Protein backbone atom coordinates (compact mmCIF):
# COMPACT_ATOMS: atom_id res chain seq x y z
CA UNK A 1 -9.38 20.55 -14.06
CA UNK A 2 -7.80 23.97 -14.22
CA UNK A 3 -5.70 24.95 -17.26
CA UNK A 4 -1.94 24.66 -16.96
CA UNK A 5 0.00 27.89 -16.67
CA UNK A 6 3.11 28.48 -18.74
CA UNK A 7 5.43 27.84 -15.78
CA UNK A 8 3.79 24.64 -14.52
CA UNK A 9 6.72 22.54 -15.70
CA UNK A 10 10.40 22.89 -14.94
CA UNK A 11 13.53 21.22 -16.29
CA UNK A 12 14.39 17.83 -14.85
CA UNK A 13 18.05 17.11 -14.32
CA UNK A 14 20.20 14.83 -12.20
CA UNK A 15 21.55 16.12 -8.91
CA UNK A 16 25.16 17.09 -8.60
CA UNK A 17 27.51 14.35 -7.47
CA UNK A 18 27.61 15.62 -3.88
CA UNK A 19 23.84 16.00 -3.72
CA UNK A 20 23.29 12.52 -5.12
CA UNK A 21 25.79 11.01 -2.68
CA UNK A 22 23.98 12.70 0.23
CA UNK A 23 20.66 11.16 -0.82
CA UNK A 24 22.16 7.68 -1.08
CA UNK A 25 24.01 8.13 2.22
CA UNK A 26 20.72 8.87 3.97
CA UNK A 27 19.20 5.75 2.41
CA UNK A 28 22.10 3.43 3.21
CA UNK A 29 22.72 4.62 6.78
CA UNK A 30 19.11 4.95 7.93
CA UNK A 31 18.49 2.75 10.96
CA UNK A 32 15.53 1.67 13.06
CA UNK A 33 16.53 3.06 16.47
CA UNK A 34 15.38 1.07 19.49
CA UNK A 35 17.52 2.15 22.42
CA UNK A 36 20.09 4.82 21.51
CA UNK A 37 17.95 7.93 22.03
CA UNK A 38 19.31 10.96 23.87
CA UNK A 39 17.03 13.00 26.17
CA UNK A 40 17.68 16.23 24.24
CA UNK A 41 14.46 17.82 22.98
CA UNK A 42 13.84 18.05 19.24
CA UNK A 43 13.46 21.76 18.36
CA UNK A 44 10.13 22.74 16.86
CA UNK A 45 11.69 23.96 13.61
CA UNK A 46 13.43 20.60 13.12
CA UNK A 47 10.22 18.73 13.86
CA UNK A 48 8.31 20.84 11.35
CA UNK A 49 10.95 20.17 8.68
CA UNK A 50 10.52 16.45 9.26
CA UNK A 51 6.74 16.74 9.07
CA UNK A 52 7.02 18.84 5.90
CA UNK A 53 9.18 16.10 4.36
CA UNK A 54 6.52 13.53 5.28
CA UNK A 55 3.77 15.76 3.88
CA UNK A 56 5.59 15.95 0.54
CA UNK A 57 5.44 12.20 0.05
CA UNK A 58 3.73 10.89 -3.09
CA UNK A 59 0.10 9.90 -2.62
CA UNK A 60 -2.23 8.11 -5.00
CA UNK A 61 -4.83 10.50 -6.38
CA UNK A 62 -3.03 13.23 -4.41
CA UNK A 63 -5.35 12.28 -1.56
CA UNK A 64 -2.75 13.00 1.15
CA UNK A 65 -4.44 10.59 3.58
CA UNK A 66 -2.09 11.15 6.50
CA UNK A 67 -2.39 12.94 9.83
CA UNK A 68 0.40 13.41 12.37
CA UNK A 69 -0.24 13.19 16.12
CA UNK A 70 2.80 14.58 17.93
CA UNK A 71 3.05 13.19 21.48
CA UNK A 72 5.49 14.70 23.95
CA UNK A 73 3.38 14.21 27.08
CA UNK A 74 5.19 11.66 29.28
CA UNK A 75 1.94 10.29 30.72
CA UNK A 76 0.52 9.59 27.28
CA UNK A 77 3.75 7.93 26.17
CA UNK A 78 3.69 5.80 29.33
CA UNK A 79 0.20 4.54 28.40
CA UNK A 80 1.42 3.77 24.89
CA UNK A 81 4.40 1.88 26.33
CA UNK A 82 2.09 -0.16 28.57
CA UNK A 83 0.03 -1.14 25.52
CA UNK A 84 3.23 -2.06 23.71
CA UNK A 85 4.53 -4.03 26.70
CA UNK A 86 1.40 -6.18 26.84
CA UNK A 87 1.62 -6.91 23.11
CA UNK A 88 5.37 -7.50 23.33
CA UNK A 89 4.90 -10.24 25.92
CA UNK A 90 2.37 -11.85 23.58
CA UNK A 91 4.82 -11.56 20.68
CA UNK A 92 7.65 -13.20 22.64
CA UNK A 93 5.47 -16.23 23.22
CA UNK A 94 5.08 -16.71 19.48
CA UNK A 95 8.76 -17.66 19.12
CA UNK A 96 10.39 -20.85 20.36
CA UNK A 97 13.64 -21.73 22.08
CA UNK A 98 16.72 -19.72 21.14
CA UNK A 99 14.67 -17.48 18.87
CA UNK A 100 12.52 -16.44 21.83
CA UNK A 101 15.59 -15.78 23.98
CA UNK A 102 17.07 -13.58 21.25
CA UNK A 103 13.79 -11.72 20.91
CA UNK A 104 13.61 -11.04 24.64
CA UNK A 105 17.19 -9.75 24.62
CA UNK A 106 16.39 -6.95 22.17
CA UNK A 107 16.10 -3.57 23.88
CA UNK A 108 12.86 -2.01 22.70
CA UNK A 109 12.89 1.09 24.91
CA UNK A 110 12.28 3.89 22.43
CA UNK A 111 8.75 4.79 23.49
CA UNK A 112 9.92 6.02 26.87
CA UNK A 113 13.50 7.05 26.03
CA UNK A 114 12.76 9.17 22.95
CA UNK A 115 11.56 12.69 23.78
CA UNK A 116 8.85 12.53 21.10
CA UNK A 117 6.31 10.06 19.87
CA UNK A 118 4.62 10.47 16.52
CA UNK A 119 1.53 8.58 15.46
CA UNK A 120 0.96 8.63 11.69
CA UNK A 121 -2.54 7.74 10.57
CA UNK A 122 -4.37 7.14 7.30
CA UNK A 123 -7.85 8.51 6.55
CA UNK A 124 -9.39 6.34 3.78
CA UNK A 125 -12.31 8.73 3.44
CA UNK A 126 -10.30 11.88 2.74
CA UNK A 127 -11.02 12.01 -1.00
CA UNK A 128 -14.43 10.33 -1.03
CA UNK A 129 -15.43 6.86 -2.11
CA UNK A 130 -13.89 6.95 -5.60
CA UNK A 131 -10.26 8.06 -5.72
CA UNK A 132 -8.12 8.37 -8.83
CA UNK A 133 -5.63 5.49 -8.79
CA UNK A 134 -7.38 3.66 -5.96
CA UNK A 135 -10.33 2.38 -7.99
CA UNK A 136 -8.93 -1.15 -8.18
CA UNK A 137 -6.58 -1.31 -5.19
CA UNK A 138 -8.16 0.06 -2.00
CA UNK A 139 -4.89 -0.26 -0.07
CA UNK A 140 -3.20 2.52 -2.03
CA UNK A 141 -4.09 5.04 0.68
CA UNK A 142 -2.13 3.00 3.25
CA UNK A 143 0.78 2.57 0.84
CA UNK A 144 0.83 6.32 0.30
CA UNK A 145 1.01 6.89 4.06
CA UNK A 146 3.98 4.52 4.30
CA UNK A 147 5.73 6.76 1.76
CA UNK A 148 5.22 9.63 4.22
CA UNK A 149 6.87 7.54 6.94
CA UNK A 150 9.87 6.85 4.73
CA UNK A 151 10.20 10.50 3.69
CA UNK A 152 10.28 11.54 7.34
CA UNK A 153 12.79 8.79 8.18
CA UNK A 154 15.25 9.86 5.51
CA UNK A 155 14.91 13.54 6.41
CA UNK A 156 15.51 12.62 10.05
CA UNK A 157 18.72 10.83 9.11
CA UNK A 158 19.92 13.97 7.36
CA UNK A 159 19.11 15.99 10.52
CA UNK A 160 20.95 13.59 12.85
CA UNK A 161 17.63 12.57 14.37
CA UNK A 162 16.90 8.92 15.12
CA UNK A 163 13.60 7.21 14.34
CA UNK A 164 12.22 3.91 15.60
CA UNK A 165 9.06 2.32 14.18
CA UNK A 166 6.95 0.52 16.79
CA UNK A 167 4.46 -1.95 15.33
CA UNK A 168 3.88 -4.23 18.32
CA UNK A 169 0.55 -3.11 19.76
CA UNK A 170 -3.16 -3.72 19.36
CA UNK A 171 -4.47 -0.89 17.19
CA UNK A 172 -7.66 -0.64 19.23
CA UNK A 173 -5.67 0.17 22.39
CA UNK A 174 -3.65 2.88 20.67
CA UNK A 175 -6.81 4.37 19.19
CA UNK A 176 -8.38 4.56 22.64
CA UNK A 177 -5.33 6.25 24.16
CA UNK A 178 -5.10 8.87 21.40
CA UNK A 179 -8.82 9.29 20.68
CA UNK A 180 -8.44 8.17 17.06
CA UNK A 181 -11.80 7.67 15.25
CA UNK A 182 -12.80 4.14 14.35
CA UNK A 183 -12.51 4.58 10.57
CA UNK A 184 -8.95 5.95 10.75
CA UNK A 185 -6.09 3.48 10.32
CA UNK A 186 -2.97 3.76 12.48
CA UNK A 187 -0.01 3.14 10.18
CA UNK A 188 2.93 3.88 12.46
CA UNK A 189 4.00 4.91 15.93
CA UNK A 190 7.44 6.48 15.57
CA UNK A 191 9.89 7.23 18.37
CA UNK A 192 11.84 10.38 17.51
CA UNK A 193 14.91 11.88 19.14
CA UNK A 194 18.55 12.74 18.70
CA UNK A 195 21.15 9.98 18.74
CA UNK A 196 24.93 10.13 18.90
CA UNK A 197 25.50 6.55 17.71
CA UNK A 198 23.92 4.31 15.10
CA UNK A 199 24.65 0.72 14.17
CA UNK A 200 26.85 0.39 11.10
CA UNK A 201 24.50 -2.33 9.87
CA UNK A 202 20.84 -2.92 10.79
CA UNK A 203 20.63 -3.92 14.44
CA UNK A 204 18.81 -7.17 13.69
CA UNK A 205 21.63 -8.16 11.34
CA UNK A 206 24.31 -7.25 13.91
CA UNK A 207 22.56 -9.34 16.57
CA UNK A 208 22.06 -12.32 14.30
CA UNK A 209 18.29 -12.19 13.90
CA UNK A 210 18.37 -12.03 10.11
CA UNK A 211 20.80 -10.98 7.37
CA UNK A 212 20.22 -8.85 4.30
CA UNK A 213 19.23 -10.91 1.28
CA UNK A 214 21.45 -10.62 -1.82
CA UNK A 215 19.88 -8.17 -4.26
CA UNK A 216 20.66 -10.40 -7.25
CA UNK A 217 18.38 -13.10 -5.81
CA UNK A 218 15.45 -10.70 -5.69
CA UNK A 219 15.57 -9.20 -9.20
CA UNK A 220 13.50 -10.83 -11.95
CA UNK A 221 13.17 -9.71 -15.58
CA UNK A 222 9.95 -9.69 -17.60
CA UNK A 223 8.18 -12.12 -15.29
CA UNK A 224 8.31 -13.96 -11.96
CA UNK A 225 11.38 -16.08 -11.49
CA UNK A 226 13.04 -15.00 -14.73
CA UNK A 227 16.64 -13.98 -14.23
């Protein structure tokens, strides 16, 4: 450990009212975009700001396990969509009756409509076998990478950029398409692009798939089930 310099710490204070409101606005109006992407390209400086936000996410043991594979090649995105489409047909068959019909009605077109794809991965070997903070919970590297996803998502909302998280695929297929090594975990495929409209509420709530649970039902005090 290196010795701390005199200026290693700085004062901690609350944001101004406007700054705080902007943070909460990004949180409350963030949406998972499936079909509203515009074809406009995302400028490189905007993309790098989003990636910098992701890279500043908290990570256990400061291991920073993430990598970012930016995909703008249409042929590669087509192969990813084909892998998704196969898995999506499998997923539809897992629901019954009206639920299946509702599932099939959802427009999941972001992979091809968004001008950018972003694959975010997790390297569990980045800091060696023994990692501070991961000694008793080996999944902390994946959890840290999810924090990077959320950082990017909130920064994108502030930039007017839409993000959609695609999770319906077989990881092995995506690894083959992108040449991802076997020991690397794929955490997220994100569709990224500008949007001019967002749902006021989460799309799945608007379309009747599921509603937000009341917060008061989810908060316990000093133990499970204690209200």
